[in-house]
N, C-alpha and C. Protein backbone atom coordinates (compact mmCIF):
# COMPACT_ATOMS: atom_id res chain seq x y z
N MET A 1 -16.71 -2.28 -9.32
CA MET A 1 -16.57 -1.02 -8.02
C MET A 1 -17.97 -0.96 -7.53
N THR A 2 -18.35 -0.73 -6.17
CA THR A 2 -19.70 -0.48 -5.73
C THR A 2 -19.42 0.31 -5.02
N THR A 3 -20.24 1.34 -4.75
CA THR A 3 -20.41 2.80 -3.53
C THR A 3 -20.65 1.85 -2.44
N LEU A 4 -20.12 2.32 -1.24
CA LEU A 4 -19.98 2.08 -0.06
C LEU A 4 -21.49 1.87 0.96
N ALA A 5 -21.95 2.54 0.49
CA ALA A 5 -23.79 2.62 0.35
C ALA A 5 -24.03 1.33 0.27
N SER A 6 -24.24 1.25 -1.09
CA SER A 6 -24.90 0.44 -1.76
C SER A 6 -24.59 -1.02 -1.84
N HIS A 7 -23.38 -1.63 -1.21
CA HIS A 7 -22.04 -2.57 -0.88
C HIS A 7 -23.40 -3.49 -0.30
N PRO A 8 -23.51 -4.62 -1.00
CA PRO A 8 -24.25 -5.50 0.24
C PRO A 8 -23.57 -6.03 1.43
N GLN A 9 -22.32 -5.71 1.33
CA GLN A 9 -21.22 -6.14 2.81
C GLN A 9 -21.09 -4.77 3.40
N ARG A 10 -21.77 -4.08 3.39
CA ARG A 10 -21.53 -2.30 3.47
C ARG A 10 -21.02 -2.45 5.45
N ASN A 11 -21.83 -3.65 6.24
CA ASN A 11 -21.80 -3.35 7.54
C ASN A 11 -20.59 -4.17 7.99
N SER A 12 -19.96 -4.97 7.30
CA SER A 12 -18.36 -5.80 7.57
C SER A 12 -17.51 -4.50 6.82
N VAL A 13 -17.51 -4.34 5.71
CA VAL A 13 -17.01 -3.14 5.19
C VAL A 13 -16.25 -1.46 5.87
N ARG A 14 -17.34 -1.55 6.38
CA ARG A 14 -17.42 -0.64 7.79
C ARG A 14 -16.81 -1.00 9.08
N LEU A 15 -16.70 -2.10 9.30
CA LEU A 15 -16.16 -2.52 10.57
C LEU A 15 -14.84 -2.65 9.81
N LEU A 16 -14.36 -3.41 8.84
CA LEU A 16 -13.13 -2.97 8.33
C LEU A 16 -11.96 -2.04 8.32
N LEU A 17 -12.90 -0.73 7.61
CA LEU A 17 -12.62 0.46 7.49
C LEU A 17 -11.93 1.50 8.93
N ARG A 18 -13.21 0.98 9.65
CA ARG A 18 -12.89 2.21 11.26
C ARG A 18 -11.74 0.94 12.12
N GLN A 19 -11.03 -0.28 11.35
CA GLN A 19 -9.52 -0.51 11.95
C GLN A 19 -7.88 0.36 11.33
N ASN A 20 -8.75 1.04 10.08
CA ASN A 20 -7.65 1.96 9.21
C ASN A 20 -6.70 2.74 10.12
N GLN A 21 -5.30 2.27 9.87
CA GLN A 21 -4.77 3.01 11.14
C GLN A 21 -4.53 4.88 10.92
N LEU A 22 -4.83 5.25 9.79
CA LEU A 22 -5.15 6.81 9.60
C LEU A 22 -7.00 6.99 10.09
N LEU A 23 -8.17 6.40 9.58
CA LEU A 23 -9.06 6.67 10.02
C LEU A 23 -9.61 6.51 11.50
N ARG A 24 -8.96 5.87 12.18
CA ARG A 24 -9.62 5.37 13.11
C ARG A 24 -9.82 6.52 14.44
N GLY A 25 -10.64 6.67 15.06
CA GLY A 25 -10.98 7.62 15.78
C GLY A 25 -10.85 9.11 15.47
N MET A 26 -11.99 8.88 13.85
CA MET A 26 -12.32 10.15 13.25
C MET A 26 -14.07 10.11 14.09
N THR A 27 -14.71 10.53 13.55
CA THR A 27 -15.49 11.27 14.69
C THR A 27 -16.75 10.55 14.02
N PRO A 28 -18.29 10.65 14.72
CA PRO A 28 -19.11 9.99 13.72
C PRO A 28 -19.56 11.23 12.42
N GLY A 29 -19.37 12.65 12.72
CA GLY A 29 -19.73 13.32 11.44
C GLY A 29 -18.86 13.60 10.55
N GLN A 30 -17.46 13.33 10.96
CA GLN A 30 -16.56 12.67 9.75
C GLN A 30 -16.71 11.71 8.80
N TRP A 31 -17.22 10.46 9.69
CA TRP A 31 -17.62 9.22 8.82
C TRP A 31 -18.98 9.70 8.34
N ALA A 32 -20.04 10.55 9.16
CA ALA A 32 -20.87 10.64 7.70
C ALA A 32 -20.52 11.34 6.32
N GLU A 33 -19.17 12.10 6.74
CA GLU A 33 -19.09 13.15 5.29
C GLU A 33 -18.04 11.94 4.29
N LEU A 34 -17.62 11.48 5.06
CA LEU A 34 -16.28 10.66 4.35
C LEU A 34 -16.91 9.42 3.60
N GLU A 35 -18.08 8.41 4.23
CA GLU A 35 -18.36 7.06 3.51
C GLU A 35 -19.52 7.39 2.14
N PRO A 36 -19.78 8.15 2.30
CA PRO A 36 -20.60 8.79 0.64
C PRO A 36 -19.70 8.61 -0.29
N LEU A 37 -18.57 9.54 -0.27
CA LEU A 37 -17.53 9.26 -1.14
C LEU A 37 -16.86 8.30 -1.35
N LEU A 38 -16.83 7.01 -1.22
CA LEU A 38 -15.95 6.12 -0.71
C LEU A 38 -16.85 5.04 -1.89
N ALA A 39 -15.72 4.36 -2.44
CA ALA A 39 -16.25 3.17 -3.29
C ALA A 39 -15.57 1.64 -3.19
N VAL A 40 -16.20 0.60 -3.11
CA VAL A 40 -15.08 -0.71 -2.75
C VAL A 40 -15.10 -1.20 -4.13
N ALA A 41 -13.73 -1.66 -3.77
CA ALA A 41 -13.71 -2.64 -4.94
C ALA A 41 -13.17 -3.49 -4.58
N ASP A 42 -12.63 -4.63 -6.06
CA ASP A 42 -12.14 -6.09 -5.49
C ASP A 42 -11.09 -6.28 -6.51
N TYR A 43 -9.97 -6.43 -6.19
CA TYR A 43 -9.00 -7.08 -7.46
C TYR A 43 -8.46 -8.43 -6.99
N ARG A 44 -7.83 -8.79 -8.06
CA ARG A 44 -7.39 -10.11 -8.40
C ARG A 44 -5.81 -9.75 -7.93
N LYS A 45 -5.15 -11.20 -7.43
CA LYS A 45 -3.91 -11.48 -7.48
C LYS A 45 -2.88 -11.23 -8.57
N GLY A 46 -2.00 -9.99 -8.79
CA GLY A 46 -1.66 -9.11 -10.09
C GLY A 46 -2.37 -8.13 -10.76
N GLU A 47 -3.74 -7.93 -10.90
CA GLU A 47 -4.08 -6.96 -11.04
C GLU A 47 -3.42 -5.32 -10.73
N PRO A 48 -3.35 -4.05 -11.65
CA PRO A 48 -3.34 -3.28 -11.33
C PRO A 48 -4.22 -2.03 -10.30
N LEU A 49 -4.70 -1.64 -9.52
CA LEU A 49 -4.92 -0.71 -9.43
C LEU A 49 -4.60 0.70 -10.01
N VAL A 50 -3.28 1.15 -9.98
CA VAL A 50 -3.02 2.20 -10.30
C VAL A 50 -1.58 1.80 -11.58
N ARG A 51 -1.78 2.24 -12.76
CA ARG A 51 -0.52 2.14 -13.48
C ARG A 51 0.18 2.98 -13.51
N GLN A 52 2.09 3.13 -13.54
CA GLN A 52 2.87 3.53 -13.47
C GLN A 52 2.25 4.51 -15.35
N GLY A 53 2.54 6.06 -14.67
CA GLY A 53 2.23 7.27 -15.80
C GLY A 53 1.24 7.53 -16.08
N ASP A 54 -0.47 6.60 -14.85
CA ASP A 54 -1.28 7.55 -14.92
C ASP A 54 -1.58 8.85 -14.30
N GLU A 55 -2.55 9.46 -14.52
CA GLU A 55 -3.38 10.80 -14.59
C GLU A 55 -4.17 10.88 -13.63
N GLU A 56 -4.92 9.58 -13.72
CA GLU A 56 -6.43 9.86 -12.81
C GLU A 56 -5.53 8.73 -11.43
N MET A 57 -6.09 10.30 -10.22
CA MET A 57 -5.31 9.51 -9.03
C MET A 57 -6.43 9.14 -8.01
N GLU A 58 -5.79 8.06 -6.93
CA GLU A 58 -6.72 7.46 -6.34
C GLU A 58 -6.06 7.43 -4.53
N GLN A 59 -7.14 7.54 -3.78
CA GLN A 59 -6.86 7.40 -2.41
C GLN A 59 -7.28 5.55 -1.84
N PHE A 60 -6.02 5.07 -1.62
CA PHE A 60 -6.69 3.46 -1.42
C PHE A 60 -6.53 3.26 0.26
N PHE A 61 -7.85 2.67 1.21
CA PHE A 61 -7.18 2.53 2.56
C PHE A 61 -7.81 0.46 2.27
N ILE A 62 -6.96 -0.21 2.48
CA ILE A 62 -7.04 -1.50 2.31
C ILE A 62 -7.72 -2.64 3.41
N LEU A 63 -8.71 -2.97 2.96
CA LEU A 63 -9.18 -3.89 4.19
C LEU A 63 -8.93 -5.48 3.91
N GLU A 64 -8.83 -6.00 3.01
CA GLU A 64 -7.87 -7.01 3.11
C GLU A 64 -7.22 -7.78 1.78
N GLY A 65 -6.30 -8.35 2.18
CA GLY A 65 -5.28 -8.50 1.10
C GLY A 65 -4.33 -7.67 1.17
N MET A 66 -3.12 -7.95 0.30
CA MET A 66 -2.00 -6.81 0.17
C MET A 66 -1.87 -6.19 -1.48
N LEU A 67 -1.43 -5.02 -1.34
CA LEU A 67 -1.05 -4.11 -2.00
C LEU A 67 0.83 -4.34 -2.38
N LYS A 68 1.59 -3.80 -3.68
CA LYS A 68 2.46 -3.34 -3.60
C LYS A 68 3.17 -2.35 -4.47
N ARG A 69 3.93 -1.49 -3.81
CA ARG A 69 4.32 -0.22 -4.97
C ARG A 69 5.60 -1.14 -5.83
N VAL A 70 5.09 -0.91 -7.02
CA VAL A 70 6.32 -1.36 -8.04
C VAL A 70 6.88 0.06 -8.82
N VAL A 71 7.83 0.06 -9.56
CA VAL A 71 8.64 0.62 -10.57
C VAL A 71 9.00 0.42 -11.25
N SER A 72 8.50 0.54 -12.85
CA SER A 72 9.30 -0.58 -13.99
C SER A 72 9.92 0.42 -15.03
N ASN A 73 11.11 -0.02 -15.58
CA ASN A 73 11.67 0.56 -16.48
C ASN A 73 11.28 0.08 -18.19
N PRO A 74 12.10 1.05 -19.02
CA PRO A 74 11.51 0.92 -20.27
C PRO A 74 11.63 -0.97 -20.98
N ALA A 75 12.81 -1.41 -20.46
CA ALA A 75 12.79 -2.23 -20.55
C ALA A 75 11.88 -3.23 -20.02
N GLY A 76 11.48 -2.91 -19.09
CA GLY A 76 10.48 -4.16 -18.10
C GLY A 76 10.56 -4.13 -16.58
N ARG A 77 12.09 -4.11 -16.81
CA ARG A 77 12.84 -4.78 -15.25
C ARG A 77 11.74 -3.75 -14.36
N GLU A 78 11.36 -4.53 -13.15
CA GLU A 78 10.55 -3.92 -11.87
C GLU A 78 11.49 -3.99 -10.88
N MET A 79 11.18 -2.73 -9.83
CA MET A 79 11.45 -2.73 -8.79
C MET A 79 10.33 -2.74 -7.67
N ILE A 80 10.53 -3.49 -6.29
CA ILE A 80 9.46 -3.41 -5.69
C ILE A 80 9.76 -2.78 -4.53
N LEU A 81 9.04 -1.09 -4.32
CA LEU A 81 9.31 -0.57 -3.30
C LEU A 81 8.66 -0.67 -2.18
N ARG A 82 7.90 -1.10 -1.79
CA ARG A 82 7.05 -1.47 -0.42
C ARG A 82 6.40 -2.10 -0.73
N PHE A 83 5.72 -3.28 0.50
CA PHE A 83 3.81 -4.08 0.26
C PHE A 83 3.08 -2.83 1.77
N ALA A 84 2.17 -3.52 1.59
CA ALA A 84 1.20 -2.55 2.47
C ALA A 84 -0.22 -3.74 2.46
N ALA A 85 -0.35 -3.77 3.51
CA ALA A 85 -1.86 -4.76 4.00
C ALA A 85 -2.41 -3.98 4.50
N GLU A 86 -3.68 -4.73 5.23
CA GLU A 86 -4.74 -4.89 5.70
C GLU A 86 -4.45 -3.27 7.16
N THR A 87 -5.45 -2.69 7.22
CA THR A 87 -5.47 -1.32 8.13
C THR A 87 -4.52 -0.33 7.52
N GLU A 88 -3.81 -0.49 6.37
CA GLU A 88 -2.62 0.40 5.74
C GLU A 88 -3.07 1.21 4.51
N MET A 89 -2.70 2.18 3.78
CA MET A 89 -3.64 2.93 3.03
C MET A 89 -2.63 3.10 2.20
N ASP A 90 -2.57 3.32 0.67
CA ASP A 90 -1.81 3.63 -0.43
C ASP A 90 -2.81 4.67 -1.15
N THR A 91 -1.41 5.55 -1.90
CA THR A 91 -1.81 6.71 -2.10
C THR A 91 -1.14 7.50 -3.60
N SER A 92 -1.82 8.16 -4.51
CA SER A 92 -1.24 8.85 -5.14
C SER A 92 -1.07 10.18 -5.17
N TYR A 93 -0.95 10.75 -4.16
CA TYR A 93 -1.23 12.29 -3.24
C TYR A 93 -0.05 12.90 -3.58
N ALA A 94 1.34 12.48 -3.70
CA ALA A 94 2.47 13.13 -3.90
C ALA A 94 2.35 13.61 -5.02
N ALA A 95 2.05 12.78 -6.11
CA ALA A 95 2.20 13.29 -7.89
C ALA A 95 0.78 14.34 -8.00
N TRP A 96 -0.21 14.26 -7.55
CA TRP A 96 -1.92 14.51 -7.44
C TRP A 96 -1.02 16.16 -6.75
N ARG A 97 -0.53 16.38 -6.01
CA ARG A 97 -0.01 17.92 -5.30
C ARG A 97 0.78 18.25 -6.52
N LEU A 98 2.07 17.60 -6.83
CA LEU A 98 3.10 18.19 -8.35
C LEU A 98 2.95 17.96 -9.48
N ARG A 99 1.43 17.83 -10.02
CA ARG A 99 0.49 17.81 -10.56
C ARG A 99 1.63 17.16 -11.92
N THR A 100 2.20 15.63 -11.35
CA THR A 100 2.84 14.39 -12.42
C THR A 100 2.21 13.43 -12.19
N PRO A 101 2.69 12.56 -13.69
CA PRO A 101 2.12 11.50 -13.48
C PRO A 101 2.43 10.36 -12.53
N VAL A 102 1.61 9.55 -12.11
CA VAL A 102 1.83 8.82 -11.14
C VAL A 102 3.07 7.86 -11.44
N PRO A 103 4.36 7.68 -10.64
CA PRO A 103 5.69 7.58 -11.28
C PRO A 103 5.91 5.59 -10.45
N TYR A 104 4.64 5.32 -10.30
CA TYR A 104 5.20 3.84 -9.75
C TYR A 104 3.41 3.10 -10.13
N SER A 105 3.22 1.48 -10.36
CA SER A 105 2.18 1.12 -10.13
C SER A 105 1.75 0.64 -8.79
N ILE A 106 0.24 0.39 -8.18
CA ILE A 106 0.20 0.05 -7.02
C ILE A 106 -0.48 -1.34 -7.76
N VAL A 107 -0.11 -2.69 -7.38
CA VAL A 107 -0.61 -3.62 -8.05
C VAL A 107 -1.12 -4.73 -6.53
N ALA A 108 -2.15 -5.37 -6.67
CA ALA A 108 -2.13 -6.24 -5.45
C ALA A 108 -1.49 -7.80 -5.81
N VAL A 109 -0.93 -8.20 -4.35
CA VAL A 109 -0.08 -8.90 -4.56
C VAL A 109 -0.54 -10.20 -4.13
N THR A 110 -1.96 -10.18 -3.29
CA THR A 110 -2.69 -11.37 -3.08
C THR A 110 -4.45 -10.88 -3.76
N LYS A 111 -5.37 -11.35 -3.93
CA LYS A 111 -6.75 -11.31 -4.20
C LYS A 111 -6.54 -9.93 -2.60
N ALA A 112 -7.51 -8.75 -3.12
CA ALA A 112 -7.73 -7.82 -2.51
C ALA A 112 -8.64 -6.83 -2.66
N ARG A 113 -9.24 -6.31 -1.38
CA ARG A 113 -10.49 -5.37 -0.97
C ARG A 113 -10.06 -4.44 -0.64
N VAL A 114 -10.22 -3.10 -1.28
CA VAL A 114 -10.14 -1.92 -0.82
C VAL A 114 -11.59 -0.97 -0.63
N THR A 115 -11.15 0.32 -0.24
CA THR A 115 -12.69 1.23 -0.24
C THR A 115 -10.89 2.06 -1.25
N GLU A 116 -11.88 3.08 -1.71
CA GLU A 116 -11.17 4.26 -2.89
C GLU A 116 -11.87 5.52 -3.32
N LEU A 117 -11.28 5.97 -2.93
CA LEU A 117 -11.73 7.54 -3.92
C LEU A 117 -10.53 8.71 -4.83
N PRO A 118 -11.17 9.25 -5.80
CA PRO A 118 -10.80 10.32 -6.61
C PRO A 118 -9.55 11.04 -5.22
N MET A 119 -8.98 11.12 -5.44
CA MET A 119 -7.95 12.00 -5.01
C MET A 119 -8.76 13.80 -5.09
N PRO A 120 -8.82 14.27 -5.67
CA PRO A 120 -9.57 15.77 -5.45
C PRO A 120 -10.43 15.16 -4.50
N LEU A 121 -11.90 14.21 -4.57
CA LEU A 121 -12.13 14.74 -2.86
C LEU A 121 -11.50 14.63 -1.94
N TRP A 122 -10.80 13.53 -1.84
CA TRP A 122 -9.54 13.02 -0.31
C TRP A 122 -9.31 14.47 -0.24
N ALA A 123 -8.31 14.83 -1.09
CA ALA A 123 -7.50 16.05 -0.85
C ALA A 123 -8.91 17.52 -0.05
N GLU A 124 -10.06 17.07 -1.00
CA GLU A 124 -11.10 18.37 -0.05
C GLU A 124 -11.34 17.96 1.23
N PHE A 125 -11.52 16.55 1.33
CA PHE A 125 -12.14 16.19 2.71
C PHE A 125 -10.78 16.73 3.57
N ILE A 126 -9.85 16.10 3.53
CA ILE A 126 -8.54 16.51 4.79
C ILE A 126 -8.39 18.15 4.82
N GLU A 127 -8.67 18.96 3.76
CA GLU A 127 -8.74 20.58 3.83
C GLU A 127 -9.62 20.65 5.02
N ARG A 128 -10.74 20.10 4.78
CA ARG A 128 -11.62 20.72 6.19
C ARG A 128 -10.95 20.03 7.42
N HIS A 129 -10.18 18.82 7.73
CA HIS A 129 -10.20 18.37 8.80
C HIS A 129 -8.73 18.31 9.24
N ALA A 130 -8.54 19.26 9.81
CA ALA A 130 -6.80 19.19 9.87
C ALA A 130 -6.24 18.61 10.95
N GLU A 131 -7.32 18.23 11.93
CA GLU A 131 -6.21 17.02 12.29
C GLU A 131 -6.32 15.46 11.52
N ILE A 132 -7.38 15.35 10.65
CA ILE A 132 -6.74 14.37 9.77
C ILE A 132 -5.68 14.42 8.50
N LYS A 133 -5.72 15.66 8.18
CA LYS A 133 -4.91 15.90 7.13
C LYS A 133 -3.16 15.80 8.26
N ALA A 134 -3.14 16.35 8.92
CA ALA A 134 -1.86 16.58 9.74
C ALA A 134 -1.50 14.67 9.95
N ARG A 135 -2.21 13.85 10.25
CA ARG A 135 -2.32 12.54 10.43
C ARG A 135 -1.48 11.88 9.15
N PHE A 136 -2.52 12.40 8.17
CA PHE A 136 -2.30 11.74 6.81
C PHE A 136 -0.71 12.26 5.99
N GLU A 137 -0.46 13.42 6.63
CA GLU A 137 0.86 14.03 5.99
C GLU A 137 1.97 13.38 6.47
N TYR A 138 1.95 12.75 8.02
CA TYR A 138 3.08 11.87 9.08
C TYR A 138 2.84 10.95 8.22
N ASP A 139 1.66 10.18 7.78
CA ASP A 139 1.86 9.09 7.80
C ASP A 139 2.70 8.85 6.08
N LEU A 140 2.34 9.44 4.94
CA LEU A 140 2.72 9.63 3.88
C LEU A 140 4.20 10.07 4.03
N MET A 141 4.79 10.56 5.12
CA MET A 141 6.07 11.10 5.04
C MET A 141 7.04 10.10 5.58
N LYS A 142 6.51 9.23 6.96
CA LYS A 142 7.13 7.87 7.12
C LYS A 142 7.01 6.53 6.13
N LEU A 143 5.96 6.72 5.18
CA LEU A 143 5.99 6.31 3.69
C LEU A 143 7.07 6.23 3.11
N MET A 144 7.22 7.46 2.57
CA MET A 144 8.54 7.91 1.86
C MET A 144 9.34 7.04 2.37
N SER A 145 9.67 7.56 3.48
CA SER A 145 11.02 7.48 4.54
C SER A 145 11.19 6.02 4.31
N GLU A 146 10.70 5.27 4.39
CA GLU A 146 10.21 3.70 4.55
C GLU A 146 10.83 3.23 2.54
N VAL A 147 10.88 3.90 2.03
CA VAL A 147 10.92 3.48 0.73
C VAL A 147 12.05 3.69 -0.13
N MET A 148 12.61 5.35 0.97
CA MET A 148 13.91 5.52 0.63
C MET A 148 14.80 4.59 1.39
N ALA A 149 14.53 3.91 2.88
CA ALA A 149 15.34 3.22 3.56
C ALA A 149 15.45 1.71 3.08
N HIS A 150 14.83 1.49 2.33
CA HIS A 150 14.57 0.24 1.54
C HIS A 150 15.50 0.38 0.11
N THR A 151 15.64 1.42 -0.51
CA THR A 151 16.29 1.89 -1.80
C THR A 151 17.50 1.57 -1.31
N ILE A 152 18.36 2.61 -0.22
CA ILE A 152 19.64 2.50 0.68
C ILE A 152 19.73 1.57 0.95
N THR A 153 18.80 0.61 1.43
CA THR A 153 19.38 -0.74 1.91
C THR A 153 19.97 -2.13 0.84
N LEU A 154 19.37 -1.67 0.02
CA LEU A 154 19.45 -2.94 -1.57
C LEU A 154 20.89 -2.13 -1.21
N HIS A 155 21.26 -1.21 -1.37
CA HIS A 155 23.08 -1.17 -1.50
C HIS A 155 24.02 -1.35 -0.53
N LEU A 156 23.32 -0.85 0.56
CA LEU A 156 24.62 -1.10 1.31
C LEU A 156 24.33 -2.68 2.63
N LEU A 157 23.72 -3.15 2.16
CA LEU A 157 23.42 -4.72 3.12
C LEU A 157 23.57 -5.45 1.98
N ASP A 158 24.34 -7.11 2.64
CA ASP A 158 24.27 -8.06 1.84
C ASP A 158 22.87 -8.52 2.13
N ALA A 159 23.13 -10.10 0.93
CA ALA A 159 21.69 -10.61 1.12
C ALA A 159 21.38 -11.14 2.77
N PRO A 160 22.22 -11.69 2.94
CA PRO A 160 21.39 -12.04 4.52
C PRO A 160 20.69 -10.85 5.36
N GLY A 161 21.82 -9.80 5.19
CA GLY A 161 21.39 -8.17 6.04
C GLY A 161 20.08 -7.94 5.44
N ARG A 162 19.83 -7.99 4.49
CA ARG A 162 18.55 -7.30 3.35
C ARG A 162 17.49 -8.43 4.29
N LEU A 163 17.74 -9.61 4.18
CA LEU A 163 16.48 -10.84 4.68
C LEU A 163 16.11 -10.20 6.11
N LEU A 164 17.08 -10.14 7.13
CA LEU A 164 17.04 -9.99 8.40
C LEU A 164 16.49 -8.81 8.90
N ARG A 165 16.48 -7.70 7.80
CA ARG A 165 16.00 -6.68 8.53
C ARG A 165 14.66 -6.66 7.94
N PHE A 166 14.32 -7.12 6.92
CA PHE A 166 12.82 -7.33 6.57
C PHE A 166 12.32 -7.94 7.61
N GLN A 167 12.50 -8.84 8.01
CA GLN A 167 11.75 -9.52 9.05
C GLN A 167 11.73 -8.85 10.36
N ARG A 168 13.01 -8.01 10.67
CA ARG A 168 12.74 -7.52 11.82
C ARG A 168 11.56 -6.59 11.63
N LYS A 169 11.87 -5.31 10.52
CA LYS A 169 10.90 -4.45 10.43
C LYS A 169 9.93 -4.59 10.17
N HIS A 170 9.31 -6.23 9.38
CA HIS A 170 7.91 -6.43 8.91
C HIS A 170 7.25 -7.83 9.50
N PRO A 171 7.67 -7.76 11.07
CA PRO A 171 7.04 -9.47 10.89
C PRO A 171 6.01 -10.12 10.62
N ASP A 172 4.83 -9.23 10.69
CA ASP A 172 3.65 -9.42 10.57
C ASP A 172 3.20 -9.69 8.45
N LEU A 173 4.63 -9.27 8.13
CA LEU A 173 4.19 -9.50 6.17
C LEU A 173 4.66 -10.64 6.00
N ALA A 174 6.02 -11.09 6.84
CA ALA A 174 7.36 -11.89 6.17
C ALA A 174 6.76 -13.35 5.78
N GLY A 175 6.04 -13.67 6.88
CA GLY A 175 5.72 -15.13 6.26
C GLY A 175 4.10 -15.11 4.90
N ARG A 176 3.72 -13.67 4.60
CA ARG A 176 2.79 -13.85 3.88
C ARG A 176 2.95 -13.71 2.44
N ILE A 177 4.27 -12.94 2.41
CA ILE A 177 4.55 -12.65 0.80
C ILE A 177 5.11 -13.46 0.33
N PRO A 178 4.78 -14.08 -1.09
CA PRO A 178 5.01 -14.86 -1.82
C PRO A 178 6.47 -14.62 -2.30
N LYS A 179 6.82 -16.37 -2.32
CA LYS A 179 8.38 -16.11 -2.23
C LYS A 179 8.92 -15.74 -3.37
N LYS A 180 8.55 -15.19 -4.58
CA LYS A 180 8.99 -14.66 -5.74
C LYS A 180 8.62 -13.50 -5.78
N GLU A 181 7.72 -12.82 -5.13
CA GLU A 181 7.44 -11.32 -4.39
C GLU A 181 8.60 -10.59 -3.17
N LEU A 182 8.95 -11.88 -2.28
CA LEU A 182 10.12 -11.43 -1.57
C LEU A 182 11.50 -11.49 -1.96
N ALA A 183 11.57 -12.05 -2.93
CA ALA A 183 12.74 -12.27 -3.46
C ALA A 183 12.84 -10.83 -4.32
N ALA A 184 12.19 -10.56 -5.34
CA ALA A 184 12.13 -9.19 -5.78
C ALA A 184 12.18 -8.05 -5.50
N TYR A 185 11.61 -8.20 -4.12
CA TYR A 185 11.73 -7.06 -3.04
C TYR A 185 13.34 -6.89 -2.71
N LEU A 186 13.74 -7.87 -1.99
CA LEU A 186 14.77 -7.77 -1.22
C LEU A 186 16.15 -8.06 -2.69
N ASN A 187 15.78 -7.77 -4.49
CA ASN A 187 16.70 -7.94 -5.17
C ASN A 187 17.69 -9.46 -5.20
N LEU A 188 16.85 -10.58 -4.68
CA LEU A 188 17.43 -11.89 -4.59
C LEU A 188 16.74 -13.15 -5.79
N THR A 189 17.25 -13.93 -6.14
CA THR A 189 16.76 -14.62 -6.52
C THR A 189 15.58 -15.74 -5.81
N PRO A 190 14.41 -16.72 -6.22
CA PRO A 190 14.18 -17.44 -5.19
C PRO A 190 14.85 -18.42 -4.67
N GLU A 191 15.86 -18.98 -5.62
CA GLU A 191 16.74 -20.06 -4.99
C GLU A 191 17.38 -19.41 -3.94
N THR A 192 18.28 -18.15 -4.19
CA THR A 192 18.94 -17.64 -2.92
C THR A 192 18.17 -17.23 -1.66
N LEU A 193 16.96 -16.70 -1.78
CA LEU A 193 15.75 -16.77 -1.03
C LEU A 193 15.52 -17.77 0.04
N SER A 194 15.48 -19.05 -1.03
CA SER A 194 15.19 -20.16 -0.35
C SER A 194 16.60 -20.59 0.16
N ARG A 195 17.33 -20.74 0.00
CA ARG A 195 18.79 -20.64 0.89
C ARG A 195 19.26 -20.06 2.19
N LEU A 196 19.41 -18.99 1.81
CA LEU A 196 19.03 -18.12 2.94
C LEU A 196 18.06 -18.19 4.41
N LYS A 197 17.00 -18.61 3.34
CA LYS A 197 15.88 -18.91 4.82
C LYS A 197 16.15 -20.23 5.67
N GLN A 198 16.47 -21.45 4.87
CA GLN A 198 17.55 -22.55 5.33
C GLN A 198 18.54 -22.48 6.43
N LYS A 199 19.10 -21.67 5.99
CA LYS A 199 20.11 -21.34 6.78
C LYS A 199 19.91 -20.65 8.06
N ILE A 200 18.95 -20.15 8.33
CA ILE A 200 18.39 -19.45 9.62
C ILE A 200 17.80 -19.94 10.05
N GLY A 201 17.45 -20.94 9.28
CA GLY A 201 15.87 -22.11 10.20
C GLY A 201 14.71 -21.57 10.13
N GLU A 202 14.42 -21.18 8.80
CA GLU A 202 13.10 -20.64 8.38
C GLU A 202 12.65 -21.02 7.46
N PRO A 203 11.02 -22.00 7.65
CA PRO A 203 10.29 -22.78 6.55
C PRO A 203 10.55 -21.77 4.95
């Protein structure tokens, strides 16, 4: 992990960071305040950024690659809650505010590069900038609503319905997620997912 200011590719990192849905539109003064707080980190496929139960919490802005939120039970069974890719963010903010351990892991689905900062620093930053805090809290509510809708979908829709809903809601991600990961997200076996894709004419 390297600070943004000292990163050898800091100029390209800055360009990618400015495409982030939450951060775009910030003023030069706000960028000057935020950038010194950020570190740039690269993660291998399958590497956790946050582990379920952690008490140290971070705010992440995705520059390249894809992440997933996943929960697991003591027996090791996993459930994927969401995927996020370039221009999106992930966070432990709710757990930090509630003063509880992080209830999920955040894991790299592909090779990924992110900028990150400790949650206390992010919280202090948004407290100083009400409009950014409002956008962040709105995005956080959308994220939590998305996770809830996905959980309900697993119970109410049949297998073809789950796949079609995902393709409709996330056309930008549908072709990028490894089959095994997408099957797990939809609570299907990889074989069933392959059959469904063949049935609807998708490679």
